[in-house]
PDB file of all heavy atoms in Angstrom:
ATOM      1  N   GLY A   1      62.341  48.871  -1.693  1.00  0.00           N
ATOM      2  CA  GLY A   1      63.498  49.751  -1.639  1.00  0.00           C
ATOM      3  C   GLY A   1      64.139  49.983  -2.993  1.00  0.00           C
ATOM      4  O   GLY A   1      64.739  51.043  -3.235  1.00  0.00           O
ATOM      5  N   GLU A   2      64.022  49.006  -3.897  1.00  0.00           N
ATOM      6  CA  GLU A   2      64.629  49.148  -5.221  1.00  0.00           C
ATOM      7  C   GLU A   2      63.927  50.234  -6.040  1.00  0.00           C
ATOM      8  O   GLU A   2      64.576  51.045  -6.711  1.00  0.00           O
ATOM      9  CB  GLU A   2      64.555  47.814  -5.963  1.00  0.00           C
ATOM     10  CG  GLU A   2      65.337  46.693  -5.311  1.00  0.00           C
ATOM     11  CD  GLU A   2      66.828  46.858  -5.477  1.00  0.00           C
ATOM     12  OE1 GLU A   2      67.246  47.561  -6.423  1.00  0.00           O
ATOM     13  OE2 GLU A   2      67.592  46.285  -4.667  1.00  0.00           O
ATOM     14  N   CYS A   3      62.595  50.235  -6.007  1.00  0.00           N
ATOM     15  CA  CYS A   3      61.814  51.178  -6.831  1.00  0.00           C
ATOM     16  C   CYS A   3      61.216  52.317  -6.012  1.00  0.00           C
ATOM     17  O   CYS A   3      60.559  53.191  -6.585  1.00  0.00           O
ATOM     18  CB  CYS A   3      60.692  50.432  -7.554  1.00  0.00           C
ATOM     19  SG  CYS A   3      61.247  49.017  -8.525  1.00  0.00           S
ATOM     20  N   ASP A   4      61.420  52.300  -4.707  1.00  0.00           N
ATOM     21  CA  ASP A   4      60.874  53.314  -3.808  1.00  0.00           C
ATOM     22  C   ASP A   4      59.355  53.442  -3.983  1.00  0.00           C
ATOM     23  O   ASP A   4      58.818  54.537  -4.159  1.00  0.00           O
ATOM     24  CB  ASP A   4      61.557  54.664  -4.049  1.00  0.00           C
ATOM     25  CG  ASP A   4      61.317  55.629  -2.878  1.00  0.00           C
ATOM     26  OD1 ASP A   4      61.066  55.131  -1.754  1.00  0.00           O
ATOM     27  OD2 ASP A   4      61.353  56.851  -3.076  1.00  0.00           O
ATOM     28  N   GLN A   5      58.656  52.292  -3.927  1.00  0.00           N
ATOM     29  CA  GLN A   5      57.209  52.276  -4.037  1.00  0.00           C
ATOM     30  C   GLN A   5      56.606  51.782  -2.722  1.00  0.00           C
ATOM     31  O   GLN A   5      57.212  50.981  -2.003  1.00  0.00           O
ATOM     32  CB  GLN A   5      56.760  51.383  -5.196  1.00  0.00           C
ATOM     33  CG  GLN A   5      57.191  51.887  -6.553  1.00  0.00           C
ATOM     34  CD  GLN A   5      56.466  51.174  -7.680  1.00  0.00           C
ATOM     35  OE1 GLN A   5      55.595  51.735  -8.344  1.00  0.00           O
ATOM     36  NE2 GLN A   5      56.821  49.923  -7.902  1.00  0.00           N
ATOM     37  N   TYR A   6      55.402  52.278  -2.427  1.00  0.00           N
ATOM     38  CA  TYR A   6      54.739  51.983  -1.163  1.00  0.00           C
ATOM     39  C   TYR A   6      53.389  51.316  -1.410  1.00  0.00           C
ATOM     40  O   TYR A   6      52.722  51.573  -2.428  1.00  0.00           O
ATOM     41  CB  TYR A   6      54.521  53.261  -0.354  1.00  0.00           C
ATOM     42  CG  TYR A   6      55.793  53.967   0.049  1.00  0.00           C
ATOM     43  CD1 TYR A   6      56.423  54.863  -0.818  1.00  0.00           C
ATOM     44  CD2 TYR A   6      56.365  53.730   1.288  1.00  0.00           C
ATOM     45  CE1 TYR A   6      57.584  55.502  -0.456  1.00  0.00           C
ATOM     46  CE2 TYR A   6      57.536  54.374   1.667  1.00  0.00           C
ATOM     47  CZ  TYR A   6      58.142  55.254   0.795  1.00  0.00           C
ATOM     48  OH  TYR A   6      59.297  55.890   1.157  1.00  0.00           O
ATOM     49  N   LEU A   7      52.990  50.475  -0.458  1.00  0.00           N
ATOM     50  CA  LEU A   7      51.669  49.847  -0.466  1.00  0.00           C
ATOM     51  C   LEU A   7      51.102  49.861   0.937  1.00  0.00           C
ATOM     52  O   LEU A   7      51.810  49.524   1.904  1.00  0.00           O
ATOM     53  CB  LEU A   7      51.748  48.389  -0.958  1.00  0.00           C
ATOM     54  CG  LEU A   7      52.186  48.123  -2.399  1.00  0.00           C
ATOM     55  CD1 LEU A   7      52.277  46.627  -2.636  1.00  0.00           C
ATOM     56  CD2 LEU A   7      51.230  48.763  -3.385  1.00  0.00           C
ATOM     57  N   HIS A   8      49.837  50.282   1.077  1.00  0.00           N
ATOM     58  CA  HIS A   8      49.160  50.084   2.358  1.00  0.00           C
ATOM     59  C   HIS A   8      49.054  48.590   2.636  1.00  0.00           C
ATOM     60  O   HIS A   8      48.786  47.805   1.713  1.00  0.00           O
ATOM     61  CB  HIS A   8      47.738  50.683   2.322  1.00  0.00           C
ATOM     62  CG  HIS A   8      47.722  52.173   2.282  1.00  0.00           C
ATOM     63  ND1 HIS A   8      46.951  52.879   1.376  1.00  0.00           N
ATOM     64  CD2 HIS A   8      48.368  53.105   3.031  1.00  0.00           C
ATOM     65  CE1 HIS A   8      47.124  54.182   1.586  1.00  0.00           C
ATOM     66  NE2 HIS A   8      47.981  54.339   2.570  1.00  0.00           N
ATOM     67  N   LYS A   9      49.228  48.184   3.864  1.00  0.00           N
ATOM     68  CA  LYS A   9      49.118  46.752   4.165  1.00  0.00           C
ATOM     69  C   LYS A   9      47.695  46.261   3.934  1.00  0.00           C
ATOM     70  O   LYS A   9      47.491  45.102   3.556  1.00  0.00           O
ATOM     71  CB  LYS A   9      49.567  46.476   5.601  1.00  0.00           C
ATOM     72  CG  LYS A   9      48.679  47.035   6.680  1.00  0.00           C
ATOM     73  CD  LYS A   9      49.155  46.611   8.054  1.00  0.00           C
ATOM     74  CE  LYS A   9      48.193  47.085   9.135  1.00  0.00           C
ATOM     75  NZ  LYS A   9      46.852  46.493   8.981  1.00  0.00           N
ATOM     76  N   ASP A  10      46.692  47.127   4.148  1.00  0.00           N
ATOM     77  CA  ASP A  10      45.312  46.710   3.914  1.00  0.00           C
ATOM     78  C   ASP A  10      44.978  46.630   2.430  1.00  0.00           C
ATOM     79  O   ASP A  10      44.001  45.985   2.050  1.00  0.00           O
ATOM     80  CB  ASP A  10      44.341  47.684   4.600  1.00  0.00           C
ATOM     81  CG  ASP A  10      44.411  47.584   6.112  1.00  0.00           C
ATOM     82  OD1 ASP A  10      44.800  46.513   6.604  1.00  0.00           O
ATOM     83  OD2 ASP A  10      44.084  48.566   6.799  1.00  0.00           O
ATOM     84  N   CYS A  11      45.787  47.276   1.587  1.00  0.00           N
ATOM     85  CA  CYS A  11      45.563  47.187   0.145  1.00  0.00           C
ATOM     86  C   CYS A  11      46.184  45.923  -0.433  1.00  0.00           C
ATOM     87  O   CYS A  11      45.593  45.273  -1.298  1.00  0.00           O
ATOM     88  CB  CYS A  11      46.130  48.422  -0.554  1.00  0.00           C
ATOM     89  SG  CYS A  11      45.234  49.951  -0.187  1.00  0.00           S
ATOM     90  N   ILE A  12      47.375  45.579   0.024  1.00  0.00           N
ATOM     91  CA  ILE A  12      48.054  44.407  -0.509  1.00  0.00           C
ATOM     92  C   ILE A  12      47.622  43.132   0.207  1.00  0.00           C
ATOM     93  O   ILE A  12      47.602  42.046  -0.362  1.00  0.00           O
ATOM     94  CB  ILE A  12      49.587  44.583  -0.415  1.00  0.00           C
ATOM     95  CG1 ILE A  12      50.313  43.450  -1.148  1.00  0.00           C
ATOM     96  CG2 ILE A  12      50.039  44.673   1.016  1.00  0.00           C
ATOM     97  CD1 ILE A  12      50.091  43.429  -2.624  1.00  0.00           C
ATOM     98  N   VAL A  13      47.244  43.254   1.487  1.00  0.00           N
ATOM     99  CA  VAL A  13      46.729  42.109   2.253  1.00  0.00           C
ATOM    100  C   VAL A  13      45.368  42.528   2.822  1.00  0.00           C
ATOM    101  O   VAL A  13      45.229  42.814   4.009  1.00  0.00           O
ATOM    102  CB  VAL A  13      47.686  41.702   3.386  1.00  0.00           C
ATOM    103  CG1 VAL A  13      47.234  40.376   4.022  1.00  0.00           C
ATOM    104  CG2 VAL A  13      49.115  41.560   2.874  1.00  0.00           C
ATOM    105  N   PRO A  14      44.334  42.616   1.977  1.00  0.00           N
ATOM    106  CA  PRO A  14      43.030  43.131   2.435  1.00  0.00           C
ATOM    107  C   PRO A  14      42.383  42.214   3.455  1.00  0.00           C
ATOM    108  O   PRO A  14      42.581  40.998   3.449  1.00  0.00           O
ATOM    109  CB  PRO A  14      42.204  43.195   1.142  1.00  0.00           C
ATOM    110  CG  PRO A  14      42.844  42.197   0.233  1.00  0.00           C
ATOM    111  CD  PRO A  14      44.308  42.218   0.560  1.00  0.00           C
ATOM    112  N   VAL A  15      41.603  42.819   4.332  1.00  0.00           N
ATOM    113  CA  VAL A  15      40.888  42.083   5.372  1.00  0.00           C
ATOM    114  C   VAL A  15      39.457  41.864   4.918  1.00  0.00           C
ATOM    115  O   VAL A  15      38.712  42.818   4.702  1.00  0.00           O
ATOM    116  CB  VAL A  15      40.912  42.856   6.710  1.00  0.00           C
ATOM    117  CG1 VAL A  15      40.090  42.108   7.756  1.00  0.00           C
ATOM    118  CG2 VAL A  15      42.348  43.041   7.182  1.00  0.00           C
ATOM    119  N   ASP A  16      39.086  40.605   4.745  1.00  0.00           N
ATOM    120  CA  ASP A  16      37.718  40.244   4.403  1.00  0.00           C
ATOM    121  C   ASP A  16      37.051  39.721   5.666  1.00  0.00           C
ATOM    122  O   ASP A  16      37.433  38.679   6.201  1.00  0.00           O
ATOM    123  CB  ASP A  16      37.707  39.176   3.310  1.00  0.00           C
ATOM    124  CG  ASP A  16      36.293  38.781   2.905  1.00  0.00           C
ATOM    125  OD1 ASP A  16      35.330  39.347   3.456  1.00  0.00           O
ATOM    126  OD2 ASP A  16      36.150  37.885   2.047  1.00  0.00           O
ATOM    127  N   GLN A  17      36.076  40.453   6.171  1.00  0.00           N
ATOM    128  CA  GLN A  17      35.443  40.101   7.443  1.00  0.00           C
ATOM    129  C   GLN A  17      34.745  38.744   7.381  1.00  0.00           C
ATOM    130  O   GLN A  17      34.499  38.121   8.402  1.00  0.00           O
ATOM    131  CB  GLN A  17      34.436  41.182   7.847  1.00  0.00           C
ATOM    132  CG  GLN A  17      34.064  41.145   9.317  1.00  0.00           C
ATOM    133  CD  GLN A  17      33.186  42.317   9.704  1.00  0.00           C
ATOM    134  OE1 GLN A  17      32.686  43.032   8.855  1.00  0.00           O
ATOM    135  NE2 GLN A  17      32.987  42.511  11.001  1.00  0.00           N
ATOM    136  N   PHE A  18      34.463  38.270   6.161  1.00  0.00           N
ATOM    137  CA  PHE A  18      33.748  37.004   5.999  1.00  0.00           C
ATOM    138  C   PHE A  18      34.605  35.945   5.308  1.00  0.00           C
ATOM    139  O   PHE A  18      34.083  34.989   4.740  1.00  0.00           O
ATOM    140  CB  PHE A  18      32.458  37.242   5.210  1.00  0.00           C
ATOM    141  CG  PHE A  18      31.586  38.300   5.807  1.00  0.00           C
ATOM    142  CD1 PHE A  18      31.587  39.590   5.304  1.00  0.00           C
ATOM    143  CD2 PHE A  18      30.777  38.027   6.899  1.00  0.00           C
ATOM    144  CE1 PHE A  18      30.799  40.581   5.871  1.00  0.00           C
ATOM    145  CE2 PHE A  18      29.993  39.004   7.465  1.00  0.00           C
ATOM    146  CZ  PHE A  18      29.994  40.285   6.960  1.00  0.00           C
ATOM    147  N   SER A  19      35.936  36.115   5.392  1.00  0.00           N
ATOM    148  CA  SER A  19      36.832  35.177   4.714  1.00  0.00           C
ATOM    149  C   SER A  19      36.798  33.788   5.329  1.00  0.00           C
ATOM    150  O   SER A  19      37.168  32.806   4.671  1.00  0.00           O
ATOM    151  CB  SER A  19      38.264  35.726   4.741  1.00  0.00           C
ATOM    152  OG  SER A  19      38.691  35.926   6.081  1.00  0.00           O
ATOM    153  N   ASN A  20      36.370  33.668   6.563  1.00  0.00           N
ATOM    154  CA  ASN A  20      36.314  32.363   7.226  1.00  0.00           C
ATOM    155  C   ASN A  20      34.967  31.664   7.056  1.00  0.00           C
ATOM    156  O   ASN A  20      34.765  30.574   7.596  1.00  0.00           O
ATOM    157  CB  ASN A  20      36.623  32.505   8.719  1.00  0.00           C
ATOM    158  CG  ASN A  20      38.064  32.914   8.962  1.00  0.00           C
ATOM    159  OD1 ASN A  20      38.932  32.681   8.124  1.00  0.00           O
ATOM    160  ND2 ASN A  20      38.325  33.529  10.096  1.00  0.00           N
ATOM    161  N   MET A  21      34.054  32.306   6.347  1.00  0.00           N
ATOM    162  CA  MET A  21      32.763  31.676   6.105  1.00  0.00           C
ATOM    163  C   MET A  21      32.915  30.608   5.032  1.00  0.00           C
ATOM    164  O   MET A  21      33.484  30.858   3.965  1.00  0.00           O
ATOM    165  CB  MET A  21      31.744  32.710   5.657  1.00  0.00           C
ATOM    166  CG  MET A  21      31.344  33.707   6.739  1.00  0.00           C
ATOM    167  SD  MET A  21      30.404  32.957   8.073  1.00  0.00           S
ATOM    168  CE  MET A  21      28.986  32.340   7.196  1.00  0.00           C
ATOM    169  N   ILE A  22      32.413  29.410   5.293  1.00  0.00           N
ATOM    170  CA  ILE A  22      32.462  28.307   4.341  1.00  0.00           C
ATOM    171  C   ILE A  22      31.033  27.987   3.909  1.00  0.00           C
ATOM    172  O   ILE A  22      30.194  27.633   4.737  1.00  0.00           O
ATOM    173  CB  ILE A  22      33.120  27.055   4.960  1.00  0.00           C
ATOM    174  CG1 ILE A  22      34.535  27.401   5.437  1.00  0.00           C
ATOM    175  CG2 ILE A  22      33.165  25.927   3.958  1.00  0.00           C
ATOM    176  CD1 ILE A  22      35.477  27.828   4.331  1.00  0.00           C
ATOM    177  N   TYR A  23      30.783  28.126   2.611  1.00  0.00           N
ATOM    178  CA  TYR A  23      29.455  27.840   2.055  1.00  0.00           C
ATOM    179  C   TYR A  23      29.520  26.491   1.345  1.00  0.00           C
ATOM    180  O   TYR A  23      29.937  26.380   0.201  1.00  0.00           O
ATOM    181  CB  TYR A  23      29.040  28.936   1.067  1.00  0.00           C
ATOM    182  CG  TYR A  23      28.950  30.303   1.689  1.00  0.00           C
ATOM    183  CD1 TYR A  23      30.039  31.151   1.689  1.00  0.00           C
ATOM    184  CD2 TYR A  23      27.774  30.728   2.283  1.00  0.00           C
ATOM    185  CE1 TYR A  23      29.965  32.415   2.267  1.00  0.00           C
ATOM    186  CE2 TYR A  23      27.680  31.990   2.859  1.00  0.00           C
ATOM    187  CZ  TYR A  23      28.777  32.821   2.838  1.00  0.00           C
ATOM    188  OH  TYR A  23      28.703  34.068   3.408  1.00  0.00           O
ATOM    189  N   SER A  24      29.131  25.427   2.038  1.00  0.00           N
ATOM    190  CA  SER A  24      29.159  24.101   1.433  1.00  0.00           C
ATOM    191  C   SER A  24      27.913  23.897   0.583  1.00  0.00           C
ATOM    192  O   SER A  24      26.984  24.703   0.591  1.00  0.00           O
ATOM    193  CB  SER A  24      29.245  23.031   2.525  1.00  0.00           C
ATOM    194  OG  SER A  24      28.179  23.171   3.437  1.00  0.00           O
ATOM    195  N   ASN A  25      27.890  22.781  -0.143  1.00  0.00           N
ATOM    196  CA  ASN A  25      26.822  22.545  -1.112  1.00  0.00           C
ATOM    197  C   ASN A  25      25.435  22.516  -0.490  1.00  0.00           C
ATOM    198  O   ASN A  25      24.457  22.911  -1.106  1.00  0.00           O
ATOM    199  CB  ASN A  25      27.080  21.221  -1.844  1.00  0.00           C
ATOM    200  CG  ASN A  25      28.050  21.403  -2.994  1.00  0.00           C
ATOM    201  OD1 ASN A  25      28.541  22.509  -3.210  1.00  0.00           O
ATOM    202  ND2 ASN A  25      28.328  20.335  -3.717  1.00  0.00           N
ATOM    203  N   ASN A  26      25.346  22.022   0.743  1.00  0.00           N
ATOM    204  CA  ASN A  26      24.025  21.926   1.354  1.00  0.00           C
ATOM    205  C   ASN A  26      23.488  23.291   1.775  1.00  0.00           C
ATOM    206  O   ASN A  26      22.358  23.400   2.214  1.00  0.00           O
ATOM    207  CB  ASN A  26      24.056  20.986   2.556  1.00  0.00           C
ATOM    208  CG  ASN A  26      25.059  21.438   3.605  1.00  0.00           C
ATOM    209  OD1 ASN A  26      26.113  21.929   3.266  1.00  0.00           O
ATOM    210  ND2 ASN A  26      24.732  21.237   4.873  1.00  0.00           N
ATOM    211  N   TRP A  27      24.305  24.360   1.625  1.00  0.00           N
ATOM    212  CA  TRP A  27      23.820  25.702   1.960  1.00  0.00           C
ATOM    213  C   TRP A  27      23.275  26.450   0.734  1.00  0.00           C
ATOM    214  O   TRP A  27      22.491  27.365   0.863  1.00  0.00           O
ATOM    215  CB  TRP A  27      24.950  26.516   2.593  1.00  0.00           C
ATOM    216  CG  TRP A  27      25.123  26.236   4.031  1.00  0.00           C
ATOM    217  CD1 TRP A  27      24.649  25.160   4.726  1.00  0.00           C
ATOM    218  CD2 TRP A  27      25.817  27.027   4.982  1.00  0.00           C
ATOM    219  NE1 TRP A  27      25.018  25.216   6.038  1.00  0.00           N
ATOM    220  CE2 TRP A  27      25.743  26.358   6.236  1.00  0.00           C
ATOM    221  CE3 TRP A  27      26.503  28.232   4.915  1.00  0.00           C
ATOM    222  CZ2 TRP A  27      26.310  26.862   7.384  1.00  0.00           C
ATOM    223  CZ3 TRP A  27      27.083  28.730   6.065  1.00  0.00           C
ATOM    224  CH2 TRP A  27      26.982  28.041   7.287  1.00  0.00           C
ATOM    225  N   ILE A  28      23.698  26.096  -0.476  1.00  0.00           N
ATOM    226  CA  ILE A  28      23.252  26.699  -1.739  1.00  0.00           C
ATOM    227  C   ILE A  28      23.333  28.230  -1.672  1.00  0.00           C
ATOM    228  O   ILE A  28      22.311  28.913  -1.574  1.00  0.00           O
ATOM    229  CB  ILE A  28      21.813  26.263  -2.108  1.00  0.00           C
ATOM    230  CG1 ILE A  28      21.637  24.763  -1.877  1.00  0.00           C
ATOM    231  CG2 ILE A  28      21.502  26.623  -3.553  1.00  0.00           C
ATOM    232  CD1 ILE A  28      20.221  24.284  -2.132  1.00  0.00           C
ATOM    233  N   PRO A  29      24.534  28.804  -1.685  1.00  0.00           N
ATOM    234  CA  PRO A  29      24.636  30.259  -1.592  1.00  0.00           C
ATOM    235  C   PRO A  29      24.217  30.952  -2.888  1.00  0.00           C
ATOM    236  O   PRO A  29      24.390  30.432  -3.986  1.00  0.00           O
ATOM    237  CB  PRO A  29      26.127  30.479  -1.324  1.00  0.00           C
ATOM    238  CG  PRO A  29      26.796  29.295  -1.943  1.00  0.00           C
ATOM    239  CD  PRO A  29      25.842  28.146  -1.794  1.00  0.00           C
ATOM    240  N   ILE A  30      23.649  32.133  -2.767  1.00  0.00           N
ATOM    241  CA  ILE A  30      23.304  32.964  -3.913  1.00  0.00           C
ATOM    242  C   ILE A  30      23.742  34.392  -3.615  1.00  0.00           C
ATOM    243  O   ILE A  30      23.992  34.758  -2.467  1.00  0.00           O
ATOM    244  CB  ILE A  30      21.789  32.938  -4.224  1.00  0.00           C
ATOM    245  CG1 ILE A  30      21.013  33.645  -3.102  1.00  0.00           C
ATOM    246  CG2 ILE A  30      21.292  31.525  -4.444  1.00  0.00           C
ATOM    247  CD1 ILE A  30      19.568  33.927  -3.478  1.00  0.00           C
ATOM    248  N   ASN A  31      23.802  35.211  -4.661  1.00  0.00           N
ATOM    249  CA  ASN A  31      24.136  36.627  -4.519  1.00  0.00           C
ATOM    250  C   ASN A  31      22.879  37.469  -4.743  1.00  0.00           C
ATOM    251  O   ASN A  31      22.033  37.128  -5.556  1.00  0.00           O
ATOM    252  CB  ASN A  31      25.221  37.030  -5.518  1.00  0.00           C
ATOM    253  CG  ASN A  31      26.535  36.321  -5.239  1.00  0.00           C
ATOM    254  OD1 ASN A  31      26.940  36.230  -4.094  1.00  0.00           O
ATOM    255  ND2 ASN A  31      27.183  35.838  -6.285  1.00  0.00           N
ATOM    256  N   SER A  32      22.791  38.559  -3.975  1.00  0.00           N
ATOM    257  CA  SER A  32      21.649  39.451  -4.105  1.00  0.00           C
ATOM    258  C   SER A  32      22.130  40.891  -4.175  1.00  0.00           C
ATOM    259  O   SER A  32      23.072  41.276  -3.467  1.00  0.00           O
ATOM    260  CB  SER A  32      20.698  39.276  -2.916  1.00  0.00           C
ATOM    261  OG  SER A  32      19.701  40.285  -2.907  1.00  0.00           O
ATOM    262  N   ARG A  33      21.481  41.695  -5.002  1.00  0.00           N
ATOM    263  CA  ARG A  33      21.829  43.116  -5.086  1.00  0.00           C
ATOM    264  C   ARG A  33      21.374  43.883  -3.853  1.00  0.00           C
ATOM    265  O   ARG A  33      21.796  45.007  -3.632  1.00  0.00           O
ATOM    266  CB  ARG A  33      21.203  43.735  -6.349  1.00  0.00           C
ATOM    267  CG  ARG A  33      21.739  43.177  -7.659  1.00  0.00           C
ATOM    268  CD  ARG A  33      21.255  44.026  -8.841  1.00  0.00           C
ATOM    269  NE  ARG A  33      19.811  44.075  -8.928  1.00  0.00           N
ATOM    270  CZ  ARG A  33      19.072  43.189  -9.585  1.00  0.00           C
ATOM    271  NH1 ARG A  33      19.650  42.177 -10.219  1.00  0.00           N
ATOM    272  NH2 ARG A  33      17.747  43.297  -9.629  1.00  0.00           N
ATOM    273  N   LYS A  34      20.495  43.281  -3.066  1.00  0.00           N
ATOM    274  CA  LYS A  34      19.949  43.947  -1.888  1.00  0.00           C
ATOM    275  C   LYS A  34      20.829  43.773  -0.651  1.00  0.00           C
ATOM    276  O   LYS A  34      20.557  44.371   0.389  1.00  0.00           O
ATOM    277  CB  LYS A  34      18.539  43.428  -1.597  1.00  0.00           C
ATOM    278  CG  LYS A  34      17.539  43.679  -2.726  1.00  0.00           C
ATOM    279  CD  LYS A  34      17.379  45.170  -2.976  1.00  0.00           C
ATOM    280  CE  LYS A  34      16.403  45.435  -4.105  1.00  0.00           C
ATOM    281  NZ  LYS A  34      16.263  46.888  -4.380  1.00  0.00           N
ATOM    282  N   HIS A  35      21.849  42.912  -0.768  1.00  0.00           N
ATOM    283  CA  HIS A  35      22.698  42.654   0.401  1.00  0.00           C
ATOM    284  C   HIS A  35      24.115  42.349  -0.071  1.00  0.00           C
ATOM    285  O   HIS A  35      24.290  41.643  -1.076  1.00  0.00           O
ATOM    286  CB  HIS A  35      22.137  41.484   1.213  1.00  0.00           C
ATOM    287  CG  HIS A  35      22.780  41.346   2.568  1.00  0.00           C
ATOM    288  ND1 HIS A  35      22.582  42.250   3.582  1.00  0.00           N
ATOM    289  CD2 HIS A  35      23.620  40.412   3.063  1.00  0.00           C
ATOM    290  CE1 HIS A  35      23.264  41.874   4.648  1.00  0.00           C
ATOM    291  NE2 HIS A  35      23.908  40.755   4.354  1.00  0.00           N
ATOM    292  N   PRO A  36      25.139  42.863   0.613  1.00  0.00           N
ATOM    293  CA  PRO A  36      26.518  42.694   0.122  1.00  0.00           C
ATOM    294  C   PRO A  36      27.086  41.296   0.312  1.00  0.00           C
ATOM    295  O   PRO A  36      28.112  40.970  -0.285  1.00  0.00           O
ATOM    296  CB  PRO A  36      27.304  43.725   0.951  1.00  0.00           C
ATOM    297  CG  PRO A  36      26.513  43.890   2.208  1.00  0.00           C
ATOM    298  CD  PRO A  36      25.072  43.748   1.794  1.00  0.00           C
ATOM    299  N   HIS A  37      26.472  40.448   1.153  1.00  0.00           N
ATOM    300  CA  HIS A  37      27.020  39.123   1.437  1.00  0.00           C
ATOM    301  C   HIS A  37      26.203  38.035   0.756  1.00  0.00           C
ATOM    302  O   HIS A  37      25.058  38.251   0.346  1.00  0.00           O
ATOM    303  CB  HIS A  37      27.059  38.873   2.954  1.00  0.00           C
ATOM    304  CG  HIS A  37      27.677  39.981   3.724  1.00  0.00           C
ATOM    305  ND1 HIS A  37      27.175  40.441   4.923  1.00  0.00           N
ATOM    306  CD2 HIS A  37      28.752  40.758   3.452  1.00  0.00           C
ATOM    307  CE1 HIS A  37      27.907  41.430   5.363  1.00  0.00           C
ATOM    308  NE2 HIS A  37      28.878  41.643   4.491  1.00  0.00           N
ATOM    309  N   ARG A  38      26.774  36.852   0.690  1.00  0.00           N
ATOM    310  CA  ARG A  38      26.085  35.722   0.083  1.00  0.00           C
ATOM    311  C   ARG A  38      24.981  35.227   1.009  1.00  0.00           C
ATOM    312  O   ARG A  38      25.125  35.219   2.233  1.00  0.00           O
ATOM    313  CB  ARG A  38      27.078  34.602  -0.203  1.00  0.00           C
ATOM    314  CG  ARG A  38      28.234  35.036  -1.097  1.00  0.00           C
ATOM    315  CD  ARG A  38      29.243  33.930  -1.272  1.00  0.00           C
ATOM    316  NE  ARG A  38      28.811  32.967  -2.274  1.00  0.00           N
ATOM    317  CZ  ARG A  38      29.477  31.839  -2.555  1.00  0.00           C
ATOM    318  NH1 ARG A  38      30.564  31.546  -1.875  1.00  0.00           N
ATOM    319  NH2 ARG A  38      29.044  31.026  -3.488  1.00  0.00           N
ATOM    320  N   LEU A  39      23.883  34.788   0.407  1.00  0.00           N
ATOM    321  CA  LEU A  39      22.727  34.275   1.150  1.00  0.00           C
ATOM    322  C   LEU A  39      22.634  32.776   0.931  1.00  0.00           C
ATOM    323  O   LEU A  39      22.942  32.256  -0.145  1.00  0.00           O
ATOM    324  CB  LEU A  39      21.435  34.954   0.688  1.00  0.00           C
ATOM    325  CG  LEU A  39      21.420  36.486   0.682  1.00  0.00           C
ATOM    326  CD1 LEU A  39      20.066  36.979   0.166  1.00  0.00           C
ATOM    327  CD2 LEU A  39      21.707  37.043   2.056  1.00  0.00           C
ATOM    328  N   ILE A  40      22.199  32.066   1.966  1.00  0.00           N
ATOM    329  CA  ILE A  40      22.075  30.618   1.872  1.00  0.00           C
ATOM    330  C   ILE A  40      20.613  30.209   2.043  1.00  0.00           C
ATOM    331  O   ILE A  40      19.820  30.899   2.686  1.00  0.00           O
ATOM    332  CB  ILE A  40      22.943  29.903   2.930  1.00  0.00           C
ATOM    333  CG1 ILE A  40      22.500  30.308   4.336  1.00  0.00           C
ATOM    334  CG2 ILE A  40      24.413  30.213   2.736  1.00  0.00           C
ATOM    335  CD1 ILE A  40      23.158  29.534   5.439  1.00  0.00           C
ATOM    336  N   ARG A  41      20.265  29.081   1.464  1.00  0.00           N
ATOM    337  CA  ARG A  41      18.909  28.560   1.558  1.00  0.00           C
ATOM    338  C   ARG A  41      18.713  27.896   2.902  1.00  0.00           C
ATOM    339  O   ARG A  41      19.498  27.031   3.308  1.00  0.00           O
ATOM    340  CB  ARG A  41      18.680  27.542   0.444  1.00  0.00           C
ATOM    341  CG  ARG A  41      17.276  26.953   0.395  1.00  0.00           C
ATOM    342  CD  ARG A  41      16.270  27.984  -0.071  1.00  0.00           C
ATOM    343  NE  ARG A  41      14.939  27.403  -0.256  1.00  0.00           N
ATOM    344  CZ  ARG A  41      13.866  28.095  -0.550  1.00  0.00           C
ATOM    345  NH1 ARG A  41      13.956  29.419  -0.710  1.00  0.00           N
ATOM    346  NH2 ARG A  41      12.704  27.519  -0.719  1.00  0.00           N
ATOM    347  N   VAL A  42      17.649  28.289   3.638  1.00  0.00           N
ATOM    348  CA  VAL A  42      17.357  27.706   4.947  1.00  0.00           C
ATOM    349  C   VAL A  42      15.891  27.293   4.985  1.00  0.00           C
ATOM    350  O   VAL A  42      15.085  27.683   4.131  1.00  0.00           O
ATOM    351  CB  VAL A  42      17.670  28.701   6.089  1.00  0.00           C
ATOM    352  CG1 VAL A  42      19.156  28.992   6.168  1.00  0.00           C
ATOM    353  CG2 VAL A  42      16.897  29.994   5.911  1.00  0.00           C
TER     354      VAL A  42
END
């Protein structure tokens, strides 16, 4: 209200669909250009 500026709630508090994923050491995550998410060794 002081500066009359606006923010989308999804811009200031973005939703990450994979924010609850936990990659522990025994999973050994890596990044790949072929896929947007982290990959784990299985």
